[in-house]
Amino acid sequence: MIELDEQGRPEPPLAAGEAATLLGFLDYQRATLEWKCAGVDAAGMRATVGASSMTLGGLLKHMAYVEEHWFSRSLHGLDWRAPWDTVDWKNDPDWEWRTAAEDPPEWLRGFWRDAVARSRALTEEALADGGLERRSRHTWPDGRAPGLRWILVHMIEEYARHNGHADLLRESVDGLTGE
């Protein structure tokens, strides 16, 4: 049975195997970003803090990109999907951050949720095909390939870091604070 905290986030399991623990913490971090972006209107999605150009909308679109990159592209070696397949990353390396201001909040939230759903399905496939030791299909320039365990820990770190940014951004929008 999944326990939810007061914000509706799934609590990571207290006593489970390594894969279930890693996935539990990743889902908790994903739910934290969703909580921080819930109910925010277009102006709130574009709000910045201090000198930074980072926004909640940009965070959602960036994390959709990161989900696609690690689970679809790297882990399974799949081709880029829309809209990522048409981006000129060389000339616009911050495309997802920059263009999020043009996207409606509900679209951003749905786009990110869809990316997470795909990542979960692809993770299940990889677990069934080698478990946490399963190597990514896309290798680094030096030929090394991270394993699923590394990717999951990296994703927990990526979400945790950006959830700190989301805390500051959300507080600037409407005063909502939390962990």
N, C-alpha and C. Protein backbone atom coordinates (compact mmCIF):
# COMPACT_ATOMS: atom_id res chain seq x y z
N MET A 1 0.84 -1.18 0.00
CA MET A 1 0.00 0.00 0.00
C MET A 1 0.88 1.25 0.00
N ILE A 2 0.58 2.19 -0.87
CA ILE A 2 1.35 3.43 -0.96
C ILE A 2 0.79 4.43 0.03
N GLU A 3 1.67 4.97 0.86
CA GLU A 3 1.29 6.02 1.80
C GLU A 3 1.55 7.37 1.16
N LEU A 4 0.61 8.29 1.32
CA LEU A 4 0.77 9.64 0.80
C LEU A 4 0.97 10.61 1.95
N ASP A 5 1.82 11.61 1.75
CA ASP A 5 2.00 12.63 2.77
C ASP A 5 0.91 13.69 2.64
N GLU A 6 0.99 14.74 3.44
CA GLU A 6 -0.06 15.77 3.46
C GLU A 6 -0.18 16.54 2.14
N GLN A 7 0.83 16.48 1.28
CA GLN A 7 0.76 17.12 -0.03
C GLN A 7 0.36 16.12 -1.13
N GLY A 8 0.09 14.88 -0.76
CA GLY A 8 -0.30 13.87 -1.73
C GLY A 8 0.86 13.18 -2.41
N ARG A 9 2.06 13.36 -1.87
CA ARG A 9 3.24 12.72 -2.45
C ARG A 9 3.40 11.31 -1.90
N PRO A 10 3.81 10.36 -2.75
CA PRO A 10 4.00 8.99 -2.26
C PRO A 10 5.26 8.89 -1.40
N GLU A 11 5.09 8.39 -0.20
CA GLU A 11 6.25 8.21 0.68
C GLU A 11 7.11 7.06 0.14
N PRO A 12 8.43 7.25 0.07
CA PRO A 12 9.29 6.14 -0.35
C PRO A 12 9.15 4.99 0.66
N PRO A 13 9.27 3.75 0.21
CA PRO A 13 9.12 2.62 1.12
C PRO A 13 10.22 2.60 2.18
N LEU A 14 9.84 2.21 3.40
CA LEU A 14 10.81 2.14 4.49
C LEU A 14 11.63 0.87 4.45
N ALA A 15 11.05 -0.20 3.96
CA ALA A 15 11.75 -1.48 3.90
C ALA A 15 11.39 -2.15 2.58
N ALA A 16 12.27 -1.99 1.60
CA ALA A 16 12.03 -2.57 0.28
C ALA A 16 13.37 -2.87 -0.37
N GLY A 17 13.34 -3.53 -1.50
CA GLY A 17 14.56 -3.79 -2.24
C GLY A 17 15.12 -2.52 -2.85
N GLU A 18 16.31 -2.65 -3.42
CA GLU A 18 16.99 -1.48 -3.96
C GLU A 18 16.20 -0.79 -5.06
N ALA A 19 15.68 -1.54 -6.01
CA ALA A 19 14.94 -0.93 -7.12
C ALA A 19 13.70 -0.20 -6.61
N ALA A 20 12.94 -0.83 -5.73
CA ALA A 20 11.72 -0.19 -5.20
C ALA A 20 12.06 1.05 -4.39
N THR A 21 13.17 1.03 -3.67
CA THR A 21 13.59 2.20 -2.89
C THR A 21 13.99 3.34 -3.82
N LEU A 22 14.80 3.06 -4.83
CA LEU A 22 15.21 4.10 -5.77
C LEU A 22 14.00 4.69 -6.49
N LEU A 23 13.11 3.84 -6.97
CA LEU A 23 11.92 4.32 -7.67
C LEU A 23 11.01 5.09 -6.72
N GLY A 24 10.94 4.68 -5.47
CA GLY A 24 10.13 5.40 -4.48
C GLY A 24 10.65 6.81 -4.25
N PHE A 25 11.96 6.95 -4.13
CA PHE A 25 12.52 8.29 -3.94
C PHE A 25 12.40 9.14 -5.20
N LEU A 26 12.55 8.54 -6.38
CA LEU A 26 12.38 9.30 -7.61
C LEU A 26 10.94 9.77 -7.75
N ASP A 27 9.97 8.91 -7.47
CA ASP A 27 8.57 9.33 -7.56
C ASP A 27 8.23 10.40 -6.52
N TYR A 28 8.85 10.33 -5.35
CA TYR A 28 8.65 11.38 -4.34
C TYR A 28 9.16 12.73 -4.85
N GLN A 29 10.34 12.73 -5.48
CA GLN A 29 10.89 13.97 -6.03
C GLN A 29 10.04 14.48 -7.19
N ARG A 30 9.56 13.57 -8.04
CA ARG A 30 8.67 13.98 -9.13
C ARG A 30 7.40 14.62 -8.57
N ALA A 31 6.84 14.00 -7.54
CA ALA A 31 5.61 14.53 -6.93
C ALA A 31 5.85 15.88 -6.26
N THR A 32 7.06 16.10 -5.77
CA THR A 32 7.39 17.40 -5.17
C THR A 32 7.35 18.49 -6.23
N LEU A 33 7.93 18.23 -7.40
CA LEU A 33 7.87 19.22 -8.47
C LEU A 33 6.42 19.47 -8.89
N GLU A 34 5.64 18.40 -9.00
CA GLU A 34 4.23 18.56 -9.36
C GLU A 34 3.50 19.41 -8.33
N TRP A 35 3.75 19.18 -7.06
CA TRP A 35 3.13 19.95 -5.98
C TRP A 35 3.52 21.43 -6.10
N LYS A 36 4.79 21.70 -6.35
CA LYS A 36 5.25 23.08 -6.43
C LYS A 36 4.65 23.83 -7.63
N CYS A 37 4.25 23.10 -8.67
CA CYS A 37 3.71 23.74 -9.87
C CYS A 37 2.18 23.66 -9.95
N ALA A 38 1.55 23.01 -9.00
CA ALA A 38 0.10 22.82 -9.02
C ALA A 38 -0.63 24.15 -8.85
N GLY A 39 -1.62 24.39 -9.69
CA GLY A 39 -2.48 25.56 -9.56
C GLY A 39 -1.84 26.88 -9.94
N VAL A 40 -0.64 26.86 -10.46
CA VAL A 40 0.05 28.10 -10.83
C VAL A 40 -0.45 28.55 -12.20
N ASP A 41 -0.81 29.84 -12.31
CA ASP A 41 -1.30 30.38 -13.57
C ASP A 41 -0.14 30.76 -14.49
N ALA A 42 -0.46 31.28 -15.66
CA ALA A 42 0.57 31.61 -16.66
C ALA A 42 1.59 32.61 -16.13
N ALA A 43 1.13 33.64 -15.43
CA ALA A 43 2.06 34.63 -14.89
C ALA A 43 2.98 33.98 -13.87
N GLY A 44 2.44 33.10 -13.04
CA GLY A 44 3.25 32.39 -12.06
C GLY A 44 4.26 31.46 -12.70
N MET A 45 3.88 30.84 -13.81
CA MET A 45 4.80 29.94 -14.52
C MET A 45 5.96 30.70 -15.14
N ARG A 46 5.77 32.02 -15.37
CA ARG A 46 6.84 32.84 -15.97
C ARG A 46 7.62 33.64 -14.95
N ALA A 47 7.21 33.61 -13.68
CA ALA A 47 7.86 34.41 -12.64
C ALA A 47 9.30 33.95 -12.41
N THR A 48 10.16 34.91 -12.14
CA THR A 48 11.56 34.63 -11.84
C THR A 48 11.89 35.15 -10.44
N VAL A 49 13.07 34.80 -9.95
CA VAL A 49 13.54 35.26 -8.65
C VAL A 49 14.92 35.87 -8.85
N GLY A 50 15.10 37.07 -8.35
CA GLY A 50 16.40 37.72 -8.42
C GLY A 50 16.89 37.86 -9.85
N ALA A 51 18.16 37.61 -10.04
CA ALA A 51 18.77 37.78 -11.36
C ALA A 51 18.58 36.55 -12.26
N SER A 52 18.03 35.49 -11.72
CA SER A 52 17.87 34.25 -12.49
C SER A 52 16.73 34.36 -13.50
N SER A 53 16.88 33.69 -14.63
CA SER A 53 15.80 33.63 -15.63
C SER A 53 14.98 32.35 -15.48
N MET A 54 15.31 31.52 -14.49
CA MET A 54 14.61 30.26 -14.28
C MET A 54 13.17 30.50 -13.85
N THR A 55 12.25 29.67 -14.40
CA THR A 55 10.82 29.77 -14.08
C THR A 55 10.28 28.37 -13.75
N LEU A 56 9.11 28.34 -13.12
CA LEU A 56 8.46 27.05 -12.87
C LEU A 56 8.11 26.37 -14.19
N GLY A 57 7.63 27.14 -15.16
CA GLY A 57 7.33 26.57 -16.47
C GLY A 57 8.58 26.00 -17.12
N GLY A 58 9.67 26.73 -17.02
CA GLY A 58 10.94 26.24 -17.56
C GLY A 58 11.39 24.97 -16.86
N LEU A 59 11.18 24.90 -15.55
CA LEU A 59 11.54 23.68 -14.82
C LEU A 59 10.74 22.48 -15.31
N LEU A 60 9.43 22.66 -15.51
CA LEU A 60 8.62 21.55 -16.00
C LEU A 60 9.07 21.09 -17.38
N LYS A 61 9.32 22.03 -18.27
CA LYS A 61 9.73 21.66 -19.62
C LYS A 61 11.14 21.06 -19.62
N HIS A 62 12.02 21.61 -18.80
CA HIS A 62 13.37 21.06 -18.69
C HIS A 62 13.32 19.63 -18.15
N MET A 63 12.52 19.39 -17.12
CA MET A 63 12.47 18.05 -16.55
C MET A 63 11.80 17.07 -17.50
N ALA A 64 10.88 17.53 -18.35
CA ALA A 64 10.33 16.65 -19.40
C ALA A 64 11.46 16.26 -20.35
N TYR A 65 12.30 17.21 -20.69
CA TYR A 65 13.46 16.94 -21.54
C TYR A 65 14.41 15.95 -20.87
N VAL A 66 14.70 16.16 -19.60
CA VAL A 66 15.62 15.28 -18.87
C VAL A 66 15.06 13.86 -18.79
N GLU A 67 13.76 13.74 -18.53
CA GLU A 67 13.12 12.42 -18.52
C GLU A 67 13.31 11.74 -19.88
N GLU A 68 13.02 12.47 -20.95
CA GLU A 68 13.14 11.92 -22.30
C GLU A 68 14.59 11.54 -22.60
N HIS A 69 15.51 12.42 -22.23
CA HIS A 69 16.92 12.17 -22.50
C HIS A 69 17.41 10.89 -21.83
N TRP A 70 17.16 10.74 -20.53
CA TRP A 70 17.75 9.61 -19.81
C TRP A 70 17.03 8.30 -20.04
N PHE A 71 15.71 8.31 -20.04
CA PHE A 71 15.01 7.03 -20.12
C PHE A 71 14.73 6.58 -21.55
N SER A 72 14.39 7.49 -22.42
CA SER A 72 14.08 7.12 -23.79
C SER A 72 15.34 7.08 -24.64
N ARG A 73 16.02 8.19 -24.69
CA ARG A 73 17.19 8.34 -25.56
C ARG A 73 18.40 7.55 -25.09
N SER A 74 18.81 7.76 -23.85
CA SER A 74 20.02 7.11 -23.35
C SER A 74 19.78 5.65 -23.01
N LEU A 75 18.83 5.38 -22.14
CA LEU A 75 18.62 4.01 -21.66
C LEU A 75 18.20 3.07 -22.77
N HIS A 76 17.27 3.51 -23.62
CA HIS A 76 16.74 2.62 -24.65
C HIS A 76 17.24 2.93 -26.06
N GLY A 77 17.99 4.00 -26.24
CA GLY A 77 18.54 4.32 -27.55
C GLY A 77 17.51 4.74 -28.58
N LEU A 78 16.37 5.23 -28.13
CA LEU A 78 15.30 5.64 -29.05
C LEU A 78 15.59 7.02 -29.64
N ASP A 79 15.01 7.28 -30.79
CA ASP A 79 15.15 8.59 -31.42
C ASP A 79 14.42 9.64 -30.62
N TRP A 80 14.87 10.89 -30.77
CA TRP A 80 14.17 12.01 -30.15
C TRP A 80 12.73 12.06 -30.67
N ARG A 81 11.82 12.39 -29.79
CA ARG A 81 10.41 12.58 -30.14
C ARG A 81 10.14 14.07 -30.20
N ALA A 82 8.99 14.42 -30.76
CA ALA A 82 8.57 15.82 -30.81
C ALA A 82 8.36 16.33 -29.39
N PRO A 83 8.72 17.54 -29.09
CA PRO A 83 9.28 18.56 -29.96
C PRO A 83 10.81 18.53 -30.02
N TRP A 84 11.42 17.64 -29.25
CA TRP A 84 12.87 17.62 -29.11
C TRP A 84 13.59 17.35 -30.43
N ASP A 85 12.94 16.63 -31.33
CA ASP A 85 13.59 16.24 -32.58
C ASP A 85 13.79 17.38 -33.56
N THR A 86 13.14 18.53 -33.34
CA THR A 86 13.27 19.66 -34.26
C THR A 86 14.08 20.82 -33.68
N VAL A 87 14.55 20.68 -32.47
CA VAL A 87 15.29 21.76 -31.81
C VAL A 87 16.72 21.80 -32.33
N ASP A 88 17.18 23.01 -32.62
CA ASP A 88 18.58 23.22 -33.01
C ASP A 88 19.36 23.49 -31.72
N TRP A 89 19.75 22.42 -31.04
CA TRP A 89 20.38 22.54 -29.73
C TRP A 89 21.70 23.29 -29.79
N LYS A 90 22.40 23.20 -30.89
CA LYS A 90 23.69 23.88 -31.01
C LYS A 90 23.51 25.39 -30.95
N ASN A 91 22.49 25.90 -31.62
CA ASN A 91 22.25 27.35 -31.64
C ASN A 91 21.31 27.83 -30.55
N ASP A 92 20.61 26.91 -29.89
CA ASP A 92 19.66 27.29 -28.85
C ASP A 92 19.70 26.26 -27.72
N PRO A 93 20.83 26.19 -26.98
CA PRO A 93 20.99 25.15 -25.97
C PRO A 93 20.03 25.25 -24.78
N ASP A 94 19.40 26.39 -24.61
CA ASP A 94 18.44 26.58 -23.52
C ASP A 94 17.01 26.65 -24.04
N TRP A 95 16.76 25.99 -25.16
CA TRP A 95 15.47 26.07 -25.83
C TRP A 95 14.31 25.79 -24.89
N GLU A 96 14.37 24.71 -24.12
CA GLU A 96 13.23 24.36 -23.27
C GLU A 96 12.97 25.41 -22.20
N TRP A 97 14.02 26.00 -21.67
CA TRP A 97 13.88 27.06 -20.66
C TRP A 97 13.27 28.31 -21.29
N ARG A 98 13.78 28.67 -22.45
CA ARG A 98 13.35 29.90 -23.12
C ARG A 98 11.91 29.82 -23.62
N THR A 99 11.53 28.71 -24.21
CA THR A 99 10.22 28.61 -24.85
C THR A 99 9.07 28.30 -23.89
N ALA A 100 9.37 27.91 -22.68
CA ALA A 100 8.29 27.57 -21.73
C ALA A 100 7.35 28.74 -21.47
N ALA A 101 7.85 29.95 -21.57
CA ALA A 101 7.00 31.13 -21.33
C ALA A 101 5.87 31.23 -22.35
N GLU A 102 6.02 30.58 -23.50
CA GLU A 102 4.99 30.61 -24.55
C GLU A 102 3.93 29.54 -24.35
N ASP A 103 4.16 28.61 -23.45
CA ASP A 103 3.28 27.46 -23.27
C ASP A 103 2.29 27.67 -22.13
N PRO A 104 1.02 27.29 -22.32
CA PRO A 104 0.03 27.40 -21.24
C PRO A 104 0.38 26.47 -20.07
N PRO A 105 0.06 26.86 -18.85
CA PRO A 105 0.38 26.05 -17.68
C PRO A 105 -0.14 24.62 -17.75
N GLU A 106 -1.40 24.43 -18.18
CA GLU A 106 -1.94 23.07 -18.24
C GLU A 106 -1.19 22.22 -19.26
N TRP A 107 -0.77 22.82 -20.37
CA TRP A 107 0.01 22.09 -21.35
C TRP A 107 1.35 21.67 -20.76
N LEU A 108 2.02 22.59 -20.06
CA LEU A 108 3.31 22.27 -19.45
C LEU A 108 3.18 21.13 -18.45
N ARG A 109 2.16 21.21 -17.59
CA ARG A 109 1.98 20.15 -16.60
C ARG A 109 1.68 18.82 -17.28
N GLY A 110 0.83 18.81 -18.30
CA GLY A 110 0.51 17.59 -19.02
C GLY A 110 1.69 17.03 -19.79
N PHE A 111 2.45 17.91 -20.41
CA PHE A 111 3.64 17.51 -21.17
C PHE A 111 4.64 16.82 -20.26
N TRP A 112 4.86 17.39 -19.08
CA TRP A 112 5.78 16.80 -18.11
C TRP A 112 5.22 15.47 -17.60
N ARG A 113 3.93 15.42 -17.26
CA ARG A 113 3.32 14.17 -16.78
C ARG A 113 3.45 13.06 -17.83
N ASP A 114 3.24 13.40 -19.10
CA ASP A 114 3.39 12.40 -20.18
C ASP A 114 4.82 11.87 -20.25
N ALA A 115 5.78 12.76 -20.09
CA ALA A 115 7.19 12.35 -20.12
C ALA A 115 7.48 11.40 -18.95
N VAL A 116 6.94 11.72 -17.79
CA VAL A 116 7.14 10.87 -16.61
C VAL A 116 6.50 9.50 -16.84
N ALA A 117 5.30 9.47 -17.38
CA ALA A 117 4.62 8.19 -17.64
C ALA A 117 5.45 7.33 -18.61
N ARG A 118 5.98 7.94 -19.67
CA ARG A 118 6.84 7.20 -20.60
C ARG A 118 8.09 6.67 -19.88
N SER A 119 8.67 7.51 -19.06
CA SER A 119 9.88 7.10 -18.33
C SER A 119 9.59 5.93 -17.40
N ARG A 120 8.45 5.96 -16.73
CA ARG A 120 8.11 4.86 -15.84
C ARG A 120 7.98 3.55 -16.62
N ALA A 121 7.30 3.61 -17.76
CA ALA A 121 7.13 2.41 -18.59
C ALA A 121 8.48 1.90 -19.10
N LEU A 122 9.34 2.81 -19.54
CA LEU A 122 10.66 2.42 -20.04
C LEU A 122 11.54 1.88 -18.92
N THR A 123 11.37 2.39 -17.71
CA THR A 123 12.11 1.87 -16.56
C THR A 123 11.68 0.44 -16.26
N GLU A 124 10.39 0.18 -16.31
CA GLU A 124 9.89 -1.18 -16.08
C GLU A 124 10.45 -2.15 -17.12
N GLU A 125 10.51 -1.71 -18.38
CA GLU A 125 11.10 -2.54 -19.43
C GLU A 125 12.56 -2.86 -19.12
N ALA A 126 13.30 -1.85 -18.71
CA ALA A 126 14.72 -2.05 -18.41
C ALA A 126 14.91 -2.95 -17.19
N LEU A 127 14.05 -2.80 -16.18
CA LEU A 127 14.15 -3.66 -15.00
C LEU A 127 13.91 -5.12 -15.38
N ALA A 128 12.98 -5.33 -16.30
CA ALA A 128 12.70 -6.70 -16.76
C ALA A 128 13.81 -7.24 -17.67
N ASP A 129 14.63 -6.35 -18.19
CA ASP A 129 15.69 -6.73 -19.12
C ASP A 129 17.07 -6.41 -18.53
N GLY A 130 17.35 -6.93 -17.36
CA GLY A 130 18.68 -6.74 -16.78
C GLY A 130 18.68 -6.09 -15.42
N GLY A 131 17.54 -5.61 -14.96
CA GLY A 131 17.48 -5.00 -13.63
C GLY A 131 18.29 -3.72 -13.55
N LEU A 132 18.73 -3.41 -12.36
CA LEU A 132 19.48 -2.18 -12.13
C LEU A 132 20.84 -2.19 -12.82
N GLU A 133 21.31 -3.37 -13.18
CA GLU A 133 22.59 -3.49 -13.89
C GLU A 133 22.46 -3.18 -15.38
N ARG A 134 21.24 -3.09 -15.88
CA ARG A 134 21.00 -2.87 -17.32
C ARG A 134 21.74 -1.61 -17.76
N ARG A 135 22.57 -1.72 -18.78
CA ARG A 135 23.34 -0.59 -19.30
C ARG A 135 22.51 0.18 -20.32
N SER A 136 22.80 1.45 -20.41
CA SER A 136 22.11 2.28 -21.40
C SER A 136 22.58 1.90 -22.80
N ARG A 137 21.71 2.10 -23.77
CA ARG A 137 22.02 1.78 -25.16
C ARG A 137 22.90 2.86 -25.79
N HIS A 138 22.74 4.08 -25.33
CA HIS A 138 23.52 5.21 -25.84
C HIS A 138 24.74 5.35 -24.94
N THR A 139 25.91 5.35 -25.54
CA THR A 139 27.13 5.44 -24.74
C THR A 139 27.65 6.88 -24.71
N TRP A 140 28.49 7.12 -23.73
CA TRP A 140 29.17 8.40 -23.63
C TRP A 140 30.27 8.44 -24.67
N PRO A 141 30.82 9.62 -24.95
CA PRO A 141 31.89 9.73 -25.98
C PRO A 141 33.06 8.79 -25.74
N ASP A 142 33.35 8.45 -24.48
CA ASP A 142 34.47 7.56 -24.19
C ASP A 142 34.09 6.09 -24.25
N GLY A 143 32.84 5.79 -24.64
CA GLY A 143 32.39 4.42 -24.80
C GLY A 143 31.72 3.81 -23.59
N ARG A 144 31.79 4.47 -22.46
CA ARG A 144 31.14 3.94 -21.26
C ARG A 144 29.63 4.12 -21.36
N ALA A 145 28.90 3.25 -20.66
CA ALA A 145 27.44 3.32 -20.65
C ALA A 145 26.96 3.23 -19.20
N PRO A 146 26.25 4.25 -18.74
CA PRO A 146 25.75 4.18 -17.37
C PRO A 146 24.68 3.08 -17.24
N GLY A 147 24.58 2.53 -16.05
CA GLY A 147 23.55 1.54 -15.77
C GLY A 147 22.27 2.22 -15.29
N LEU A 148 21.21 1.43 -15.25
CA LEU A 148 19.92 1.96 -14.77
C LEU A 148 20.04 2.49 -13.35
N ARG A 149 20.79 1.83 -12.49
CA ARG A 149 20.98 2.31 -11.12
C ARG A 149 21.54 3.73 -11.13
N TRP A 150 22.57 3.97 -11.94
CA TRP A 150 23.19 5.29 -12.03
C TRP A 150 22.17 6.30 -12.53
N ILE A 151 21.41 5.95 -13.55
CA ILE A 151 20.41 6.86 -14.11
C ILE A 151 19.37 7.23 -13.06
N LEU A 152 18.88 6.25 -12.30
CA LEU A 152 17.88 6.54 -11.27
C LEU A 152 18.43 7.47 -10.19
N VAL A 153 19.65 7.20 -9.74
CA VAL A 153 20.26 8.07 -8.71
C VAL A 153 20.47 9.47 -9.29
N HIS A 154 20.93 9.55 -10.53
CA HIS A 154 21.11 10.85 -11.17
C HIS A 154 19.78 11.60 -11.25
N MET A 155 18.72 10.92 -11.61
CA MET A 155 17.41 11.58 -11.71
C MET A 155 16.91 12.06 -10.36
N ILE A 156 17.16 11.29 -9.31
CA ILE A 156 16.79 11.75 -7.96
C ILE A 156 17.54 13.03 -7.64
N GLU A 157 18.84 13.06 -7.95
CA GLU A 157 19.65 14.26 -7.72
C GLU A 157 19.15 15.43 -8.55
N GLU A 158 18.82 15.17 -9.82
CA GLU A 158 18.35 16.25 -10.71
C GLU A 158 17.06 16.87 -10.19
N TYR A 159 16.12 16.02 -9.81
CA TYR A 159 14.86 16.55 -9.26
C TYR A 159 15.08 17.27 -7.93
N ALA A 160 15.89 16.69 -7.05
CA ALA A 160 16.11 17.31 -5.74
C ALA A 160 16.71 18.70 -5.89
N ARG A 161 17.68 18.83 -6.79
CA ARG A 161 18.31 20.14 -7.03
C ARG A 161 17.29 21.14 -7.56
N HIS A 162 16.53 20.73 -8.57
CA HIS A 162 15.56 21.66 -9.15
C HIS A 162 14.36 21.89 -8.25
N ASN A 163 14.04 20.96 -7.38
CA ASN A 163 12.95 21.21 -6.43
C ASN A 163 13.32 22.32 -5.45
N GLY A 164 14.59 22.47 -5.15
CA GLY A 164 15.03 23.61 -4.35
C GLY A 164 14.76 24.92 -5.07
N HIS A 165 15.02 24.92 -6.38
CA HIS A 165 14.70 26.11 -7.18
C HIS A 165 13.19 26.35 -7.18
N ALA A 166 12.42 25.27 -7.34
CA ALA A 166 10.96 25.40 -7.38
C ALA A 166 10.42 25.96 -6.07
N ASP A 167 11.03 25.60 -4.94
CA ASP A 167 10.62 26.16 -3.65
C ASP A 167 10.69 27.69 -3.67
N LEU A 168 11.83 28.20 -4.12
CA LEU A 168 12.03 29.65 -4.14
C LEU A 168 11.08 30.33 -5.13
N LEU A 169 10.93 29.72 -6.29
CA LEU A 169 10.04 30.30 -7.31
C LEU A 169 8.60 30.32 -6.83
N ARG A 170 8.12 29.22 -6.28
CA ARG A 170 6.73 29.15 -5.84
C ARG A 170 6.48 30.14 -4.70
N GLU A 171 7.42 30.26 -3.79
CA GLU A 171 7.23 31.22 -2.70
C GLU A 171 7.13 32.64 -3.25
N SER A 172 7.86 32.95 -4.30
CA SER A 172 7.79 34.29 -4.88
C SER A 172 6.47 34.53 -5.60
N VAL A 173 5.83 33.47 -6.07
CA VAL A 173 4.57 33.59 -6.81
C VAL A 173 3.40 33.87 -5.87
N ASP A 174 3.25 33.05 -4.84
CA ASP A 174 2.07 33.20 -3.98
C ASP A 174 2.32 32.92 -2.51
N GLY A 175 3.58 32.81 -2.13
CA GLY A 175 3.91 32.62 -0.73
C GLY A 175 3.88 31.17 -0.26
N LEU A 176 3.50 30.23 -1.14
CA LEU A 176 3.47 28.83 -0.73
C LEU A 176 4.88 28.36 -0.38
N THR A 177 5.01 27.85 0.80
CA THR A 177 6.29 27.32 1.24
C THR A 177 6.11 25.86 1.64
N GLY A 178 7.19 25.20 1.81
CA GLY A 178 7.17 23.80 2.21
C GLY A 178 8.56 23.28 2.22
N GLU A 179 8.66 21.98 2.25
CA GLU A 179 9.97 21.33 2.35
C GLU A 179 10.92 21.79 1.30
